[in-house]
């Protein structure tokens, strides 16, 4: 059972709100869009899929990319499968994805190096995730030191 998410819909609500912020951010989103890839995140506990499209023109004005909550027909360039709780801690800057891969917590495929190049770009989002949780009244989900 997830420590942070009640169910898949709860995860989608939180990540949807967060990705709205990230993909509209002039500093983070604009740099992410330069990656030119489609990333699929597959989560366990709860089961969920989120696809981020940084390859095609954004579906909405004012965004630097598009995201899809749930299964998507887009063919990903890279994918990562991990427990949702691990991802939650990652977005707080508390988990190292390289260590997660070497320890077998994260499974990946496709253009993995392209996704790893995004790590320095998304680092500012580590401060944005707790803010997004707070804005949603979910202070109890903020991971503290």
C-alpha atoms as a PDB file:
ATOM      1  CA  UNK A   1       0.000   0.000   0.000  1.00  0.00           C
ATOM      2  CA  UNK A   2       1.258   3.443  -0.945  1.00  0.00           C
ATOM      3  CA  UNK A   3       2.452   5.757   1.782  1.00  0.00           C
ATOM      4  CA  UNK A   4       1.451   8.855  -0.207  1.00  0.00           C
ATOM      5  CA  UNK A   5      -1.370   7.981  -2.622  1.00  0.00           C
ATOM      6  CA  UNK A   6      -4.864   6.681  -1.838  1.00  0.00           C
ATOM      7  CA  UNK A   7      -5.369   5.366  -5.366  1.00  0.00           C
ATOM      8  CA  UNK A   8      -4.539   5.985  -9.034  1.00  0.00           C
ATOM      9  CA  UNK A   9      -6.921   8.950  -9.320  1.00  0.00           C
ATOM     10  CA  UNK A  10      -5.243  10.591  -6.322  1.00  0.00           C
ATOM     11  CA  UNK A  11      -1.827  10.185  -7.977  1.00  0.00           C
ATOM     12  CA  UNK A  12      -3.141  11.639 -11.259  1.00  0.00           C
ATOM     13  CA  UNK A  13      -4.655  14.630  -9.463  1.00  0.00           C
ATOM     14  CA  UNK A  14      -1.369  15.436  -7.700  1.00  0.00           C
ATOM     15  CA  UNK A  15       0.918  14.841 -10.680  1.00  0.00           C
ATOM     16  CA  UNK A  16      -1.449  16.608 -13.087  1.00  0.00           C
ATOM     17  CA  UNK A  17      -1.368  19.733 -10.945  1.00  0.00           C
ATOM     18  CA  UNK A  18       2.419  19.504 -10.593  1.00  0.00           C
ATOM     19  CA  UNK A  19       3.051  18.913 -14.314  1.00  0.00           C
ATOM     20  CA  UNK A  20       0.804  21.857 -15.167  1.00  0.00           C
ATOM     21  CA  UNK A  21       3.159  24.035 -13.148  1.00  0.00           C
ATOM     22  CA  UNK A  22       6.380  22.475 -14.490  1.00  0.00           C
ATOM     23  CA  UNK A  23       5.441  22.510 -18.179  1.00  0.00           C
ATOM     24  CA  UNK A  24       4.355  26.170 -18.016  1.00  0.00           C
ATOM     25  CA  UNK A  25       7.448  27.278 -16.109  1.00  0.00           C
ATOM     26  CA  UNK A  26       9.671  29.486 -18.274  1.00  0.00           C
ATOM     27  CA  UNK A  27      12.882  28.128 -16.767  1.00  0.00           C
ATOM     28  CA  UNK A  28      12.079  24.428 -16.260  1.00  0.00           C
ATOM     29  CA  UNK A  29       9.582  23.764 -19.049  1.00  0.00           C
ATOM     30  CA  UNK A  30      11.493  25.657 -21.708  1.00  0.00           C
ATOM     31  CA  UNK A  31      14.669  23.681 -20.979  1.00  0.00           C
ATOM     32  CA  UNK A  32      12.785  20.371 -20.807  1.00  0.00           C
ATOM     33  CA  UNK A  33      11.254  20.992 -24.236  1.00  0.00           C
ATOM     34  CA  UNK A  34      14.732  21.002 -25.773  1.00  0.00           C
ATOM     35  CA  UNK A  35      15.107  17.296 -24.943  1.00  0.00           C
ATOM     36  CA  UNK A  36      12.820  16.443 -27.881  1.00  0.00           C
ATOM     37  CA  UNK A  37      11.723  13.093 -26.446  1.00  0.00           C
ATOM     38  CA  UNK A  38       8.599  11.320 -25.234  1.00  0.00           C
ATOM     39  CA  UNK A  39       8.925   9.840 -21.742  1.00  0.00           C
ATOM     40  CA  UNK A  40       6.572   7.280 -20.228  1.00  0.00           C
ATOM     41  CA  UNK A  41       6.524   6.783 -16.468  1.00  0.00           C
ATOM     42  CA  UNK A  42       4.965   3.564 -15.276  1.00  0.00           C
ATOM     43  CA  UNK A  43       4.127   3.507 -11.577  1.00  0.00           C
ATOM     44  CA  UNK A  44       3.306   0.691  -9.237  1.00  0.00           C
ATOM     45  CA  UNK A  45       1.333   0.917  -5.998  1.00  0.00           C
ATOM     46  CA  UNK A  46      -0.857   2.473  -7.234  1.00  0.00           C
ATOM     47  CA  UNK A  47      -0.732   1.369 -10.861  1.00  0.00           C
ATOM     48  CA  UNK A  48      -0.521   4.415 -13.139  1.00  0.00           C
ATOM     49  CA  UNK A  49       1.031   5.715 -16.355  1.00  0.00           C
ATOM     50  CA  UNK A  50       2.060   9.254 -17.194  1.00  0.00           C
ATOM     51  CA  UNK A  51       3.460  10.230 -20.579  1.00  0.00           C
ATOM     52  CA  UNK A  52       5.309  13.495 -21.096  1.00  0.00           C
ATOM     53  CA  UNK A  53       5.611  14.627 -24.708  1.00  0.00           C
ATOM     54  CA  UNK A  54       8.549  16.949 -25.268  1.00  0.00           C
ATOM     55  CA  UNK A  55       8.801  16.028 -28.960  1.00  0.00           C
ATOM     56  CA  UNK A  56       5.573  17.284 -30.554  1.00  0.00           C
ATOM     57  CA  UNK A  57       4.128  20.806 -30.385  1.00  0.00           C
ATOM     58  CA  UNK A  58       2.359  21.316 -27.014  1.00  0.00           C
ATOM     59  CA  UNK A  59      -1.363  20.521 -27.002  1.00  0.00           C
ATOM     60  CA  UNK A  60      -2.129  23.659 -24.958  1.00  0.00           C
ATOM     61  CA  UNK A  61      -1.039  27.251 -25.415  1.00  0.00           C
ATOM     62  CA  UNK A  62       1.449  28.519 -22.827  1.00  0.00           C
ATOM     63  CA  UNK A  63       2.956  25.064 -22.254  1.00  0.00           C
ATOM     64  CA  UNK A  64       6.398  23.795 -23.250  1.00  0.00           C
ATOM     65  CA  UNK A  65       5.216  20.195 -23.534  1.00  0.00           C
ATOM     66  CA  UNK A  66       2.179  17.991 -23.080  1.00  0.00           C
ATOM     67  CA  UNK A  67       1.395  15.298 -20.557  1.00  0.00           C
ATOM     68  CA  UNK A  68      -1.116  12.479 -20.506  1.00  0.00           C
ATOM     69  CA  UNK A  69      -2.464  10.861 -17.360  1.00  0.00           C
ATOM     70  CA  UNK A  70      -3.235   7.215 -18.012  1.00  0.00           C
ATOM     71  CA  UNK A  71      -2.361   4.977 -20.952  1.00  0.00           C
ATOM     72  CA  UNK A  72      -1.372   6.889 -24.087  1.00  0.00           C
ATOM     73  CA  UNK A  73      -1.040   5.843 -27.725  1.00  0.00           C
ATOM     74  CA  UNK A  74       2.146   7.896 -28.072  1.00  0.00           C
ATOM     75  CA  UNK A  75       5.241   5.792 -28.683  1.00  0.00           C
ATOM     76  CA  UNK A  76       7.759   6.670 -26.002  1.00  0.00           C
ATOM     77  CA  UNK A  77      11.460   7.166 -26.666  1.00  0.00           C
ATOM     78  CA  UNK A  78      12.291   6.207 -23.100  1.00  0.00           C
ATOM     79  CA  UNK A  79      10.362   4.648 -20.231  1.00  0.00           C
ATOM     80  CA  UNK A  80      10.896   4.210 -16.522  1.00  0.00           C
ATOM     81  CA  UNK A  81       8.992   1.901 -14.178  1.00  0.00           C
ATOM     82  CA  UNK A  82       9.139   2.520 -10.452  1.00  0.00           C
ATOM     83  CA  UNK A  83       7.068   2.511  -7.261  1.00  0.00           C
ATOM     84  CA  UNK A  84       4.944   5.662  -6.988  1.00  0.00           C
ATOM     85  CA  UNK A  85       6.294   6.324  -3.490  1.00  0.00           C
ATOM     86  CA  UNK A  86       9.870   6.313  -4.825  1.00  0.00           C
ATOM     87  CA  UNK A  87       8.870   8.893  -7.445  1.00  0.00           C
ATOM     88  CA  UNK A  88       7.174  10.996  -4.764  1.00  0.00           C
ATOM     89  CA  UNK A  89      10.399  11.115  -2.743  1.00  0.00           C
ATOM     90  CA  UNK A  90      12.412  11.773  -5.938  1.00  0.00           C
ATOM     91  CA  UNK A  91      10.372  14.920  -6.634  1.00  0.00           C
ATOM     92  CA  UNK A  92      11.378  16.139  -3.185  1.00  0.00           C
ATOM     93  CA  UNK A  93      15.051  15.632  -4.125  1.00  0.00           C
ATOM     94  CA  UNK A  94      15.289  12.730  -1.666  1.00  0.00           C
ATOM     95  CA  UNK A  95      16.031   9.848  -4.078  1.00  0.00           C
ATOM     96  CA  UNK A  96      18.878   9.402  -6.511  1.00  0.00           C
ATOM     97  CA  UNK A  97      17.608   7.883  -9.777  1.00  0.00           C
ATOM     98  CA  UNK A  98      21.045   6.515 -10.712  1.00  0.00           C
ATOM     99  CA  UNK A  99      21.159   4.623  -7.403  1.00  0.00           C
ATOM    100  CA  UNK A 100      17.549   3.526  -7.976  1.00  0.00           C
ATOM    101  CA  UNK A 101      18.509   2.041 -11.342  1.00  0.00           C
ATOM    102  CA  UNK A 102      21.595   0.254 -10.006  1.00  0.00           C
ATOM    103  CA  UNK A 103      19.615  -1.155  -7.061  1.00  0.00           C
ATOM    104  CA  UNK A 104      16.858  -2.383  -9.383  1.00  0.00           C
ATOM    105  CA  UNK A 105      14.155  -0.109  -7.937  1.00  0.00           C
ATOM    106  CA  UNK A 106      13.779   1.693 -11.275  1.00  0.00           C
ATOM    107  CA  UNK A 107      13.575  -0.271 -14.527  1.00  0.00           C
ATOM    108  CA  UNK A 108      14.262   1.694 -17.718  1.00  0.00           C
ATOM    109  CA  UNK A 109      14.334   1.228 -21.449  1.00  0.00           C
ATOM    110  CA  UNK A 110      14.828   3.202 -24.637  1.00  0.00           C
ATOM    111  CA  UNK A 111      16.973   6.325 -24.838  1.00  0.00           C
ATOM    112  CA  UNK A 112      17.932   6.274 -21.169  1.00  0.00           C
ATOM    113  CA  UNK A 113      20.818   8.719 -21.621  1.00  0.00           C
ATOM    114  CA  UNK A 114      18.400  11.295 -23.066  1.00  0.00           C
ATOM    115  CA  UNK A 115      16.286  11.100 -19.915  1.00  0.00           C
ATOM    116  CA  UNK A 116      19.319  11.238 -17.628  1.00  0.00           C
ATOM    117  CA  UNK A 117      20.410  14.444 -19.368  1.00  0.00           C
ATOM    118  CA  UNK A 118      17.166  16.002 -18.088  1.00  0.00           C
ATOM    119  CA  UNK A 119      18.188  15.566 -14.434  1.00  0.00           C
ATOM    120  CA  UNK A 120      20.019  18.912 -14.109  1.00  0.00           C
ATOM    121  CA  UNK A 121      17.178  20.647 -15.979  1.00  0.00           C
ATOM    122  CA  UNK A 122      14.439  19.386 -13.643  1.00  0.00           C
ATOM    123  CA  UNK A 123      16.339  20.013 -10.410  1.00  0.00           C
ATOM    124  CA  UNK A 124      14.463  23.316  -9.773  1.00  0.00           C
ATOM    125  CA  UNK A 125      11.218  21.286  -9.806  1.00  0.00           C
ATOM    126  CA  UNK A 126      12.345  19.708  -6.506  1.00  0.00           C
ATOM    127  CA  UNK A 127      11.375  22.984  -4.828  1.00  0.00           C
ATOM    128  CA  UNK A 128       8.166  23.209  -6.870  1.00  0.00           C
ATOM    129  CA  UNK A 129       6.734  19.799  -5.888  1.00  0.00           C
ATOM    130  CA  UNK A 130       6.318  20.579  -2.152  1.00  0.00           C
ATOM    131  CA  UNK A 131       4.846  23.980  -3.079  1.00  0.00           C
ATOM    132  CA  UNK A 132       2.321  22.279  -5.361  1.00  0.00           C
ATOM    133  CA  UNK A 133       1.370  19.884  -2.548  1.00  0.00           C
ATOM    134  CA  UNK A 134       0.943  22.792  -0.143  1.00  0.00           C
ATOM    135  CA  UNK A 135      -1.226  24.668  -2.654  1.00  0.00           C
ATOM    136  CA  UNK A 136      -3.474  21.610  -2.866  1.00  0.00           C
ATOM    137  CA  UNK A 137      -3.774  21.458   0.936  1.00  0.00           C
ATOM    138  CA  UNK A 138      -1.658  18.305   1.068  1.00  0.00           C
ATOM    139  CA  UNK A 139       0.993  19.482   3.531  1.00  0.00           C
ATOM    140  CA  UNK A 140       0.927  16.029   5.175  1.00  0.00           C
ATOM    141  CA  UNK A 141       2.438  14.556   1.962  1.00  0.00           C
ATOM    142  CA  UNK A 142       5.496  16.818   2.013  1.00  0.00           C
ATOM    143  CA  UNK A 143       8.610  14.780   2.740  1.00  0.00           C
ATOM    144  CA  UNK A 144      10.765  16.522   5.309  1.00  0.00           C
ATOM    145  CA  UNK A 145      14.408  15.876   6.073  1.00  0.00           C
END
